Amino acid sequence: MTRRRHAQLRLPPLSARDALLLVAVLERAIAAIERAHGGEMRELREMQQLEARARRRGITIYNLDADPDADF
């Protein structure tokens, strides 16, 4: 069985106050990243989902933006 890697964040034991502060900081960081890169991240996620569906079906996607009529 192959173990899948996943993100981990190891923290020391936190008090309730420190845990709440950390959550607030992370929420603000996520909001800032979303404001700065939200559109591109959504496009990338959609592309990754399309590629994953295509792989499950055995289809290879090289360039979805290519004009299919350009070859003719």
Protein backbone atom coordinates (compact mmCIF):
# COMPACT_ATOMS: atom_id res chain seq x y z
CA MET A 1 0.00 0.00 0.00
CA THR A 2 1.37 3.39 -1.02
CA ARG A 3 0.97 6.22 1.44
CA ARG A 4 -0.16 9.48 -0.10
CA ARG A 5 1.64 12.60 0.98
CA HIS A 6 -0.44 15.33 2.50
CA ALA A 7 0.18 18.72 3.96
CA GLN A 8 0.87 18.84 7.66
CA LEU A 9 1.35 21.68 10.05
CA ARG A 10 2.87 20.68 13.36
CA LEU A 11 2.10 23.12 16.13
CA PRO A 12 3.02 23.16 19.79
CA PRO A 13 0.15 22.84 22.23
CA LEU A 14 -1.90 26.04 22.07
CA SER A 15 -4.18 27.71 24.55
CA ALA A 16 -7.70 28.46 23.37
CA ARG A 17 -6.75 32.12 22.97
CA ASP A 18 -3.64 31.28 20.89
CA ALA A 19 -5.61 28.81 18.76
CA LEU A 20 -8.25 31.44 18.05
CA LEU A 21 -5.56 33.97 17.14
CA LEU A 22 -3.92 31.46 14.77
CA VAL A 23 -7.25 30.78 13.08
CA ALA A 24 -7.80 34.52 12.60
CA VAL A 25 -4.33 34.95 11.10
CA LEU A 26 -4.83 32.03 8.72
CA GLU A 27 -8.26 33.30 7.65
CA ARG A 28 -6.76 36.71 6.85
CA ALA A 29 -3.93 35.08 4.90
CA ILE A 30 -6.40 32.98 2.90
CA ALA A 31 -8.53 36.06 2.15
CA ALA A 32 -5.46 37.98 0.96
CA ILE A 33 -4.36 35.13 -1.30
CA GLU A 34 -7.90 34.82 -2.68
CA ARG A 35 -7.99 38.57 -3.44
CA ALA A 36 -4.61 38.48 -5.15
CA HIS A 37 -4.89 35.22 -7.09
CA GLY A 38 -8.50 34.02 -6.87
CA GLY A 39 -9.33 34.14 -10.57
CA GLU A 40 -6.18 32.35 -11.67
CA MET A 41 -6.56 29.76 -8.91
CA ARG A 42 -10.14 28.98 -10.01
CA GLU A 43 -9.01 28.61 -13.64
CA LEU A 44 -6.14 26.33 -12.60
CA ARG A 45 -8.43 24.21 -10.42
CA GLU A 46 -10.93 23.85 -13.29
CA MET A 47 -8.13 22.80 -15.64
CA GLN A 48 -6.85 20.26 -13.12
CA GLN A 49 -10.35 18.83 -12.69
CA LEU A 50 -10.82 18.55 -16.46
CA GLU A 51 -7.45 16.82 -16.80
CA ALA A 52 -8.28 14.42 -13.95
CA ARG A 53 -11.61 13.50 -15.56
CA ALA A 54 -9.90 13.02 -18.91
CA ARG A 55 -7.24 10.77 -17.36
CA ARG A 56 -9.95 8.61 -15.79
CA ARG A 57 -11.47 8.24 -19.26
CA GLY A 58 -8.09 7.60 -20.90
CA ILE A 59 -8.03 10.90 -22.82
CA THR A 60 -4.97 13.15 -22.95
CA ILE A 61 -5.58 16.90 -23.04
CA TYR A 62 -2.73 18.90 -24.54
CA ASN A 63 -4.23 22.36 -24.98
CA LEU A 64 -7.88 23.13 -24.33
CA ASP A 65 -7.48 26.63 -25.75
CA ALA A 66 -6.30 25.40 -29.13
CA ASP A 67 -8.53 26.10 -32.12
CA PRO A 68 -9.66 22.69 -33.48
CA ASP A 69 -10.21 24.22 -36.95
CA ALA A 70 -6.69 25.65 -37.13
CA ASP A 71 -5.30 22.35 -38.43
CA PHE A 72 -7.47 22.44 -41.55
